[in-house]
Amino acid sequence: MVTTLSANVYGMATAPTVAPKQSDQVTRKTYPNYKVIVLNDDFNTFQHVTECLMKYIPGMSADRAWDLTNQVHYEGQAIVWVGPQEPAELYHQQLRRAGLTMAPLEAA
């Protein structure tokens, strides 16, 4: 006597597997922004920090620079600029070279 075993006995699927259709769309990922953060210290004056912010951060007004300097002093740090990595590295380096105490660049 010949016994026929069904596909289920061997754990095989009885219907063919259909792969999902590949999408022709390209998913674009944006580059992350980076935060330029100035830290409080005991040796930079309010005037120096304010002047550096106006000098090195594009579009920085005197009022905004003063507000950020106060934030650095009273809260210990301030995010002074957020944007793409390359300009963030430049502003970070310029502020550091001017003597400001900087946090490491941080992805936003």
C-alpha atoms as a PDB file:
ATOM      1  CA  MET A   1       0.000   0.000   0.000  1.00  0.00           C
ATOM      2  CA  VAL A   2       1.335   3.420  -0.931  1.00  0.00           C
ATOM      3  CA  THR A   3       0.678   6.283   1.476  1.00  0.00           C
ATOM      4  CA  THR A   4       0.613   9.826   0.176  1.00  0.00           C
ATOM      5  CA  LEU A   5       1.636  12.491   2.652  1.00  0.00           C
ATOM      6  CA  SER A   6       0.278  15.967   2.283  1.00  0.00           C
ATOM      7  CA  ALA A   7       2.453  19.075   2.176  1.00  0.00           C
ATOM      8  CA  ASN A   8       1.234  20.003   5.658  1.00  0.00           C
ATOM      9  CA  VAL A   9       2.998  17.014   7.181  1.00  0.00           C
ATOM     10  CA  TYR A  10       6.350  18.421   6.121  1.00  0.00           C
ATOM     11  CA  GLY A  11       5.474  21.988   7.184  1.00  0.00           C
ATOM     12  CA  MET A  12       5.493  23.345   3.669  1.00  0.00           C
ATOM     13  CA  ALA A  13       3.145  26.062   2.597  1.00  0.00           C
ATOM     14  CA  THR A  14       0.362  24.986   0.317  1.00  0.00           C
ATOM     15  CA  ALA A  15       0.174  28.358  -1.482  1.00  0.00           C
ATOM     16  CA  PRO A  16       3.093  30.045  -3.192  1.00  0.00           C
ATOM     17  CA  THR A  17       4.712  32.955  -1.379  1.00  0.00           C
ATOM     18  CA  VAL A  18       4.358  36.254  -3.219  1.00  0.00           C
ATOM     19  CA  ALA A  19       7.058  38.852  -2.616  1.00  0.00           C
ATOM     20  CA  PRO A  20       5.762  42.401  -2.165  1.00  0.00           C
ATOM     21  CA  LYS A  21       6.157  44.637  -5.182  1.00  0.00           C
ATOM     22  CA  GLN A  22       9.265  46.809  -4.971  1.00  0.00           C
ATOM     23  CA  SER A  23       8.592  50.489  -4.795  1.00  0.00           C
ATOM     24  CA  ASP A  24      10.044  52.761  -7.448  1.00  0.00           C
ATOM     25  CA  GLN A  25      10.005  55.644  -4.983  1.00  0.00           C
ATOM     26  CA  VAL A  26      13.239  56.866  -3.472  1.00  0.00           C
ATOM     27  CA  THR A  27      13.119  57.642   0.210  1.00  0.00           C
ATOM     28  CA  ARG A  28      15.246  60.651   1.000  1.00  0.00           C
ATOM     29  CA  LYS A  29      16.668  61.050   4.459  1.00  0.00           C
ATOM     30  CA  THR A  30      17.606  64.501   5.583  1.00  0.00           C
ATOM     31  CA  TYR A  31      20.894  65.130   7.308  1.00  0.00           C
ATOM     32  CA  PRO A  32      20.559  65.828  11.020  1.00  0.00           C
ATOM     33  CA  ASN A  33      20.955  69.327  12.360  1.00  0.00           C
ATOM     34  CA  TYR A  34      23.542  70.083  15.013  1.00  0.00           C
ATOM     35  CA  LYS A  35      23.354  72.327  18.065  1.00  0.00           C
ATOM     36  CA  VAL A  36      26.104  74.819  18.883  1.00  0.00           C
ATOM     37  CA  ILE A  37      26.056  75.194  22.677  1.00  0.00           C
ATOM     38  CA  VAL A  38      27.968  77.768  24.722  1.00  0.00           C
ATOM     39  CA  LEU A  39      28.683  76.864  28.350  1.00  0.00           C
ATOM     40  CA  ASN A  40      29.045  79.145  31.339  1.00  0.00           C
ATOM     41  CA  ASP A  41      32.526  79.706  32.757  1.00  0.00           C
ATOM     42  CA  ASP A  42      34.228  81.945  35.287  1.00  0.00           C
ATOM     43  CA  PHE A  43      36.457  83.945  32.979  1.00  0.00           C
ATOM     44  CA  ASN A  44      34.535  85.264  29.931  1.00  0.00           C
ATOM     45  CA  THR A  45      32.714  88.560  30.407  1.00  0.00           C
ATOM     46  CA  PHE A  46      29.158  89.201  29.290  1.00  0.00           C
ATOM     47  CA  GLN A  47      30.487  91.708  26.774  1.00  0.00           C
ATOM     48  CA  HIS A  48      32.977  89.251  25.261  1.00  0.00           C
ATOM     49  CA  VAL A  49      30.387  86.464  24.892  1.00  0.00           C
ATOM     50  CA  THR A  50      27.863  88.874  23.350  1.00  0.00           C
ATOM     51  CA  GLU A  51      30.423  90.262  20.898  1.00  0.00           C
ATOM     52  CA  CYS A  52      31.552  86.762  19.860  1.00  0.00           C
ATOM     53  CA  LEU A  53      27.987  85.659  19.199  1.00  0.00           C
ATOM     54  CA  MET A  54      27.343  88.708  17.025  1.00  0.00           C
ATOM     55  CA  LYS A  55      30.640  88.277  15.196  1.00  0.00           C
ATOM     56  CA  TYR A  56      30.482  84.554  14.417  1.00  0.00           C
ATOM     57  CA  ILE A  57      26.796  83.571  14.302  1.00  0.00           C
ATOM     58  CA  PRO A  58      25.124  84.853  11.105  1.00  0.00           C
ATOM     59  CA  GLY A  59      22.163  87.139  11.636  1.00  0.00           C
ATOM     60  CA  MET A  60      22.751  87.435  15.391  1.00  0.00           C
ATOM     61  CA  SER A  61      21.317  90.699  16.701  1.00  0.00           C
ATOM     62  CA  ALA A  62      22.707  92.502  19.724  1.00  0.00           C
ATOM     63  CA  ASP A  63      19.486  91.879  21.674  1.00  0.00           C
ATOM     64  CA  ARG A  64      19.450  88.158  20.860  1.00  0.00           C
ATOM     65  CA  ALA A  65      23.145  87.828  21.698  1.00  0.00           C
ATOM     66  CA  TRP A  66      22.574  89.543  25.050  1.00  0.00           C
ATOM     67  CA  ASP A  67      19.590  87.261  25.825  1.00  0.00           C
ATOM     68  CA  LEU A  68      21.674  84.166  25.010  1.00  0.00           C
ATOM     69  CA  THR A  69      24.578  85.455  27.107  1.00  0.00           C
ATOM     70  CA  ASN A  70      22.206  85.857  30.059  1.00  0.00           C
ATOM     71  CA  GLN A  71      20.914  82.336  29.473  1.00  0.00           C
ATOM     72  CA  VAL A  72      24.479  81.008  29.475  1.00  0.00           C
ATOM     73  CA  HIS A  73      25.170  82.799  32.766  1.00  0.00           C
ATOM     74  CA  TYR A  74      21.965  81.950  34.626  1.00  0.00           C
ATOM     75  CA  GLU A  75      21.148  78.502  33.207  1.00  0.00           C
ATOM     76  CA  GLY A  76      24.690  77.246  32.574  1.00  0.00           C
ATOM     77  CA  GLN A  77      24.383  76.937  28.805  1.00  0.00           C
ATOM     78  CA  ALA A  78      22.555  78.154  25.718  1.00  0.00           C
ATOM     79  CA  ILE A  79      21.976  76.769  22.252  1.00  0.00           C
ATOM     80  CA  VAL A  80      23.212  79.629  20.088  1.00  0.00           C
ATOM     81  CA  TRP A  81      22.716  78.074  16.652  1.00  0.00           C
ATOM     82  CA  VAL A  82      21.100  74.974  15.098  1.00  0.00           C
ATOM     83  CA  GLY A  83      21.681  73.798  11.550  1.00  0.00           C
ATOM     84  CA  PRO A  84      23.677  71.577   9.188  1.00  0.00           C
ATOM     85  CA  GLN A  85      26.872  69.941  10.430  1.00  0.00           C
ATOM     86  CA  GLU A  86      29.431  71.816   8.348  1.00  0.00           C
ATOM     87  CA  PRO A  87      28.484  75.382   9.381  1.00  0.00           C
ATOM     88  CA  ALA A  88      27.868  74.132  12.939  1.00  0.00           C
ATOM     89  CA  GLU A  89      31.464  72.881  13.060  1.00  0.00           C
ATOM     90  CA  LEU A  90      32.728  76.210  11.753  1.00  0.00           C
ATOM     91  CA  TYR A  91      30.775  78.339  14.283  1.00  0.00           C
ATOM     92  CA  HIS A  92      31.736  75.980  17.101  1.00  0.00           C
ATOM     93  CA  GLN A  93      35.412  76.232  16.206  1.00  0.00           C
ATOM     94  CA  GLN A  94      35.321  80.025  15.815  1.00  0.00           C
ATOM     95  CA  LEU A  95      33.628  80.512  19.192  1.00  0.00           C
ATOM     96  CA  ARG A  96      36.031  78.089  20.877  1.00  0.00           C
ATOM     97  CA  ARG A  97      39.056  79.861  19.355  1.00  0.00           C
ATOM     98  CA  ALA A  98      37.661  83.157  20.634  1.00  0.00           C
ATOM     99  CA  GLY A  99      37.890  81.685  24.131  1.00  0.00           C
ATOM    100  CA  LEU A 100      34.302  80.649  24.813  1.00  0.00           C
ATOM    101  CA  THR A 101      33.676  77.407  26.653  1.00  0.00           C
ATOM    102  CA  MET A 102      31.836  75.100  24.269  1.00  0.00           C
ATOM    103  CA  ALA A 103      29.907  71.876  24.681  1.00  0.00           C
ATOM    104  CA  PRO A 104      30.654  69.196  22.078  1.00  0.00           C
ATOM    105  CA  LEU A 105      28.514  69.461  18.948  1.00  0.00           C
ATOM    106  CA  GLU A 106      25.270  67.620  19.491  1.00  0.00           C
ATOM    107  CA  ALA A 107      22.816  66.260  16.944  1.00  0.00           C
ATOM    108  CA  ALA A 108      19.507  68.057  17.252  1.00  0.00           C
END
